[in-house]
Amino acid sequence: MERLYSPWRSQYIEGFDKIEGCFLCNAYKSNDDEKNLVLYRGKKCFVIMNLYPYNAGHLMVCPNEHIGDFEKLDEETLCELNILTQKMIKALKIALNPDGFNLGYNLGRVAGAGLESHIHKHIVPRWNGDTNFMPVIGEVKVISQDLKDIYHKIKRALKDVI
């Protein structure tokens, strides 16, 4: 039997319930962007890599303010969310050369939101053939690149975009 190791998942499994407060707010309030995988800070929103990504380069665009009701976002925040989404797509194209993207929000637990109290938009790069038997049979997603390497690639690409 072949074994796959993903030690970073144990941090999620063992520690997610132990996080005090909102992990997005904690990352935003911290001064250590690299440790928290924060790629960009804007006036109303920031961009963070997903620590438990669906695919390499999975990003989240989040309001700086802790808000869980999409309908209560002001126009300036909504505008910046979309502008940053566009810039992140450009940066991901430069850094990782994906074939496409999935974009979206999960609003409410029933819709798949792991964090309901802080709105965040997912940007998931996709490549031809990026799905295979692993998620279907093994219930495992294999990310073949290190998060910190991807972080630095995207940071370099952002210099051409922002």
C-alpha atoms as a PDB file:
ATOM      1  CA  MET A   1       0.000   0.000   0.000  1.00  0.00           C
ATOM      2  CA  GLU A   2       1.300   3.440  -0.945  1.00  0.00           C
ATOM      3  CA  ARG A   3       1.078   6.156   1.708  1.00  0.00           C
ATOM      4  CA  LEU A   4       0.519   9.848   1.179  1.00  0.00           C
ATOM      5  CA  TYR A   5       1.588  12.293   3.831  1.00  0.00           C
ATOM      6  CA  SER A   6       0.116  15.736   4.360  1.00  0.00           C
ATOM      7  CA  PRO A   7       1.379  16.864   7.772  1.00  0.00           C
ATOM      8  CA  TRP A   8      -0.078  20.373   7.419  1.00  0.00           C
ATOM      9  CA  ARG A   9      -3.585  18.853   7.607  1.00  0.00           C
ATOM     10  CA  SER A  10      -2.956  17.696  11.187  1.00  0.00           C
ATOM     11  CA  GLN A  11      -2.685  21.345  12.244  1.00  0.00           C
ATOM     12  CA  TYR A  12      -6.163  21.918  10.824  1.00  0.00           C
ATOM     13  CA  ILE A  13      -7.658  18.774  12.332  1.00  0.00           C
ATOM     14  CA  GLU A  14      -6.114  19.256  15.774  1.00  0.00           C
ATOM     15  CA  GLY A  15      -6.140  23.005  16.116  1.00  0.00           C
ATOM     16  CA  PHE A  16      -9.041  24.558  14.248  1.00  0.00           C
ATOM     17  CA  ASP A  17     -11.383  24.465  17.239  1.00  0.00           C
ATOM     18  CA  LYS A  18      -8.651  25.945  19.445  1.00  0.00           C
ATOM     19  CA  ILE A  19      -8.264  29.161  17.450  1.00  0.00           C
ATOM     20  CA  GLU A  20      -9.402  32.152  19.494  1.00  0.00           C
ATOM     21  CA  GLY A  21     -11.638  34.445  17.463  1.00  0.00           C
ATOM     22  CA  CYS A  22     -11.729  34.727  13.691  1.00  0.00           C
ATOM     23  CA  PHE A  23      -8.667  33.366  11.859  1.00  0.00           C
ATOM     24  CA  LEU A  24      -9.101  35.995   9.113  1.00  0.00           C
ATOM     25  CA  CYS A  25      -9.220  38.853  11.632  1.00  0.00           C
ATOM     26  CA  ASN A  26      -6.246  37.354  13.465  1.00  0.00           C
ATOM     27  CA  ALA A  27      -4.233  37.271  10.228  1.00  0.00           C
ATOM     28  CA  TYR A  28      -5.288  40.814   9.314  1.00  0.00           C
ATOM     29  CA  LYS A  29      -4.342  42.180  12.764  1.00  0.00           C
ATOM     30  CA  SER A  30      -0.959  40.421  12.782  1.00  0.00           C
ATOM     31  CA  ASN A  31       2.208  42.085  11.527  1.00  0.00           C
ATOM     32  CA  ASP A  32       3.622  38.825  10.123  1.00  0.00           C
ATOM     33  CA  ASP A  33       2.116  38.635   6.641  1.00  0.00           C
ATOM     34  CA  GLU A  34       4.322  35.800   5.428  1.00  0.00           C
ATOM     35  CA  LYS A  35       3.535  33.584   8.426  1.00  0.00           C
ATOM     36  CA  ASN A  36      -0.195  34.261   7.961  1.00  0.00           C
ATOM     37  CA  LEU A  37       0.017  34.036   4.153  1.00  0.00           C
ATOM     38  CA  VAL A  38      -1.381  37.566   3.711  1.00  0.00           C
ATOM     39  CA  LEU A  39      -0.480  38.636   0.180  1.00  0.00           C
ATOM     40  CA  TYR A  40      -1.957  42.122   0.012  1.00  0.00           C
ATOM     41  CA  ARG A  41      -3.594  44.758   2.223  1.00  0.00           C
ATOM     42  CA  GLY A  42      -5.917  47.315   0.696  1.00  0.00           C
ATOM     43  CA  LYS A  43      -7.974  50.163   2.110  1.00  0.00           C
ATOM     44  CA  LYS A  44     -11.100  48.014   2.694  1.00  0.00           C
ATOM     45  CA  CYS A  45      -9.983  44.444   1.895  1.00  0.00           C
ATOM     46  CA  PHE A  46      -7.028  42.100   2.083  1.00  0.00           C
ATOM     47  CA  VAL A  47      -5.942  38.940   0.273  1.00  0.00           C
ATOM     48  CA  ILE A  48      -4.807  35.775   2.021  1.00  0.00           C
ATOM     49  CA  MET A  49      -3.823  32.335   0.785  1.00  0.00           C
ATOM     50  CA  ASN A  50      -5.994  29.463   1.938  1.00  0.00           C
ATOM     51  CA  LEU A  51      -3.949  27.434   4.420  1.00  0.00           C
ATOM     52  CA  TYR A  52      -5.924  24.305   3.440  1.00  0.00           C
ATOM     53  CA  PRO A  53      -6.246  24.878  -0.311  1.00  0.00           C
ATOM     54  CA  TYR A  54      -8.438  23.114  -2.791  1.00  0.00           C
ATOM     55  CA  ASN A  55      -5.715  23.722  -5.395  1.00  0.00           C
ATOM     56  CA  ALA A  56      -2.292  25.375  -5.441  1.00  0.00           C
ATOM     57  CA  GLY A  57      -2.715  29.150  -5.280  1.00  0.00           C
ATOM     58  CA  HIS A  58      -6.171  29.068  -3.644  1.00  0.00           C
ATOM     59  CA  LEU A  59      -6.726  32.632  -2.397  1.00  0.00           C
ATOM     60  CA  MET A  60      -9.388  34.437  -0.384  1.00  0.00           C
ATOM     61  CA  VAL A  61     -10.299  38.115  -0.758  1.00  0.00           C
ATOM     62  CA  CYS A  62     -11.719  39.393   2.542  1.00  0.00           C
ATOM     63  CA  PRO A  63     -13.066  42.641   3.948  1.00  0.00           C
ATOM     64  CA  ASN A  64     -10.803  44.127   6.617  1.00  0.00           C
ATOM     65  CA  GLU A  65     -13.915  44.447   8.776  1.00  0.00           C
ATOM     66  CA  HIS A  66     -15.338  41.346  10.483  1.00  0.00           C
ATOM     67  CA  ILE A  67     -18.702  41.057   8.757  1.00  0.00           C
ATOM     68  CA  GLY A  68     -20.713  37.953   7.915  1.00  0.00           C
ATOM     69  CA  ASP A  69     -23.687  39.410   6.060  1.00  0.00           C
ATOM     70  CA  PHE A  70     -22.958  39.985   2.384  1.00  0.00           C
ATOM     71  CA  GLU A  71     -25.921  42.351   2.101  1.00  0.00           C
ATOM     72  CA  LYS A  72     -24.360  44.690   4.672  1.00  0.00           C
ATOM     73  CA  LEU A  73     -21.110  45.277   2.751  1.00  0.00           C
ATOM     74  CA  ASP A  74     -20.785  48.906   1.678  1.00  0.00           C
ATOM     75  CA  GLU A  75     -20.229  49.807  -1.985  1.00  0.00           C
ATOM     76  CA  GLU A  76     -16.580  50.743  -1.499  1.00  0.00           C
ATOM     77  CA  THR A  77     -15.838  47.326   0.036  1.00  0.00           C
ATOM     78  CA  LEU A  78     -17.774  45.510  -2.705  1.00  0.00           C
ATOM     79  CA  CYS A  79     -15.872  47.438  -5.359  1.00  0.00           C
ATOM     80  CA  GLU A  80     -12.484  46.708  -3.788  1.00  0.00           C
ATOM     81  CA  LEU A  81     -13.372  43.005  -3.412  1.00  0.00           C
ATOM     82  CA  ASN A  82     -13.921  42.790  -7.163  1.00  0.00           C
ATOM     83  CA  ILE A  83     -10.940  44.919  -8.150  1.00  0.00           C
ATOM     84  CA  LEU A  84      -8.669  42.775  -5.959  1.00  0.00           C
ATOM     85  CA  THR A  85     -10.204  39.622  -7.433  1.00  0.00           C
ATOM     86  CA  GLN A  86      -9.274  40.881 -10.908  1.00  0.00           C
ATOM     87  CA  LYS A  87      -5.715  41.760  -9.819  1.00  0.00           C
ATOM     88  CA  MET A  88      -5.241  38.403  -8.088  1.00  0.00           C
ATOM     89  CA  ILE A  89      -6.370  36.560 -11.215  1.00  0.00           C
ATOM     90  CA  LYS A  90      -3.743  38.495 -13.190  1.00  0.00           C
ATOM     91  CA  ALA A  91      -1.067  37.719 -10.578  1.00  0.00           C
ATOM     92  CA  LEU A  92      -2.004  34.020 -10.484  1.00  0.00           C
ATOM     93  CA  LYS A  93      -1.772  33.850 -14.288  1.00  0.00           C
ATOM     94  CA  ILE A  94       1.755  35.261 -14.095  1.00  0.00           C
ATOM     95  CA  ALA A  95       2.848  33.128 -11.135  1.00  0.00           C
ATOM     96  CA  LEU A  96       1.180  29.773 -11.789  1.00  0.00           C
ATOM     97  CA  ASN A  97      -0.213  29.839 -15.359  1.00  0.00           C
ATOM     98  CA  PRO A  98      -3.594  28.191 -14.615  1.00  0.00           C
ATOM     99  CA  ASP A  99      -6.038  27.253 -17.368  1.00  0.00           C
ATOM    100  CA  GLY A 100      -9.061  28.721 -15.551  1.00  0.00           C
ATOM    101  CA  PHE A 101     -10.543  29.747 -12.210  1.00  0.00           C
ATOM    102  CA  ASN A 102     -13.408  29.046  -9.874  1.00  0.00           C
ATOM    103  CA  LEU A 103     -14.638  32.147  -8.015  1.00  0.00           C
ATOM    104  CA  GLY A 104     -17.209  32.297  -5.281  1.00  0.00           C
ATOM    105  CA  TYR A 105     -18.626  32.833  -1.839  1.00  0.00           C
ATOM    106  CA  ASN A 106     -20.055  30.221   0.522  1.00  0.00           C
ATOM    107  CA  LEU A 107     -22.787  32.100   2.387  1.00  0.00           C
ATOM    108  CA  GLY A 108     -24.085  30.091   5.327  1.00  0.00           C
ATOM    109  CA  ARG A 109     -23.143  26.706   6.785  1.00  0.00           C
ATOM    110  CA  VAL A 110     -25.516  24.850   4.446  1.00  0.00           C
ATOM    111  CA  ALA A 111     -23.713  26.448   1.481  1.00  0.00           C
ATOM    112  CA  GLY A 112     -20.373  25.094   2.661  1.00  0.00           C
ATOM    113  CA  ALA A 113     -19.083  28.037   4.682  1.00  0.00           C
ATOM    114  CA  GLY A 114     -16.456  26.896   7.158  1.00  0.00           C
ATOM    115  CA  LEU A 115     -16.437  30.432   8.536  1.00  0.00           C
ATOM    116  CA  GLU A 116     -19.828  32.115   8.382  1.00  0.00           C
ATOM    117  CA  SER A 117     -19.034  35.238  10.377  1.00  0.00           C
ATOM    118  CA  HIS A 118     -16.435  36.792   8.022  1.00  0.00           C
ATOM    119  CA  ILE A 119     -17.275  37.100   4.314  1.00  0.00           C
ATOM    120  CA  HIS A 120     -14.529  35.921   1.968  1.00  0.00           C
ATOM    121  CA  LYS A 121     -14.389  35.311  -1.774  1.00  0.00           C
ATOM    122  CA  HIS A 122     -12.526  32.233  -2.965  1.00  0.00           C
ATOM    123  CA  ILE A 123     -10.266  32.318  -6.018  1.00  0.00           C
ATOM    124  CA  VAL A 124      -9.287  28.773  -6.986  1.00  0.00           C
ATOM    125  CA  PRO A 125      -6.889  28.320  -9.921  1.00  0.00           C
ATOM    126  CA  ARG A 126      -7.705  25.327 -12.129  1.00  0.00           C
ATOM    127  CA  TRP A 127      -5.638  23.344 -14.620  1.00  0.00           C
ATOM    128  CA  ASN A 128      -6.688  20.898 -17.294  1.00  0.00           C
ATOM    129  CA  GLY A 129      -6.564  17.496 -15.661  1.00  0.00           C
ATOM    130  CA  ASP A 130      -6.278  18.814 -12.091  1.00  0.00           C
ATOM    131  CA  THR A 131      -8.923  16.379 -10.929  1.00  0.00           C
ATOM    132  CA  ASN A 132      -8.177  12.689 -10.803  1.00  0.00           C
ATOM    133  CA  PHE A 133      -9.079   9.590  -8.831  1.00  0.00           C
ATOM    134  CA  MET A 134      -7.549  10.823  -5.553  1.00  0.00           C
ATOM    135  CA  PRO A 135     -10.408  13.077  -4.376  1.00  0.00           C
ATOM    136  CA  VAL A 136     -13.036  10.617  -5.584  1.00  0.00           C
ATOM    137  CA  ILE A 137     -11.583   7.315  -4.356  1.00  0.00           C
ATOM    138  CA  GLY A 138      -9.180   8.371  -1.619  1.00  0.00           C
ATOM    139  CA  GLU A 139     -10.979  11.508  -0.405  1.00  0.00           C
ATOM    140  CA  VAL A 140      -7.573  13.197  -0.627  1.00  0.00           C
ATOM    141  CA  LYS A 141      -6.441  16.261  -2.562  1.00  0.00           C
ATOM    142  CA  VAL A 142      -2.745  16.311  -3.450  1.00  0.00           C
ATOM    143  CA  ILE A 143      -1.106  19.742  -3.604  1.00  0.00           C
ATOM    144  CA  SER A 144       2.317  19.249  -5.111  1.00  0.00           C
ATOM    145  CA  GLN A 145       3.808  22.652  -4.297  1.00  0.00           C
ATOM    146  CA  ASP A 146       4.838  24.127  -0.943  1.00  0.00           C
ATOM    147  CA  LEU A 147       2.588  26.942   0.316  1.00  0.00           C
ATOM    148  CA  LYS A 148       5.544  29.244   1.060  1.00  0.00           C
ATOM    149  CA  ASP A 149       6.973  28.740  -2.443  1.00  0.00           C
ATOM    150  CA  ILE A 150       3.601  29.597  -3.967  1.00  0.00           C
ATOM    151  CA  TYR A 151       3.282  32.598  -1.615  1.00  0.00           C
ATOM    152  CA  HIS A 152       6.589  34.033  -2.858  1.00  0.00           C
ATOM    153  CA  LYS A 153       5.732  33.389  -6.519  1.00  0.00           C
ATOM    154  CA  ILE A 154       2.446  35.260  -6.155  1.00  0.00           C
ATOM    155  CA  LYS A 155       4.095  38.113  -4.182  1.00  0.00           C
ATOM    156  CA  ARG A 156       6.617  38.554  -7.009  1.00  0.00           C
ATOM    157  CA  ALA A 157       3.826  38.531  -9.597  1.00  0.00           C
ATOM    158  CA  LEU A 158       1.863  41.152  -7.649  1.00  0.00           C
ATOM    159  CA  LYS A 159       4.663  43.651  -8.294  1.00  0.00           C
ATOM    160  CA  ASP A 160       3.632  43.584 -11.987  1.00  0.00           C
ATOM    161  CA  VAL A 161      -0.072  43.921 -11.190  1.00  0.00           C
ATOM    162  CA  ILE A 162      -0.489  46.344  -8.282  1.00  0.00           C
END
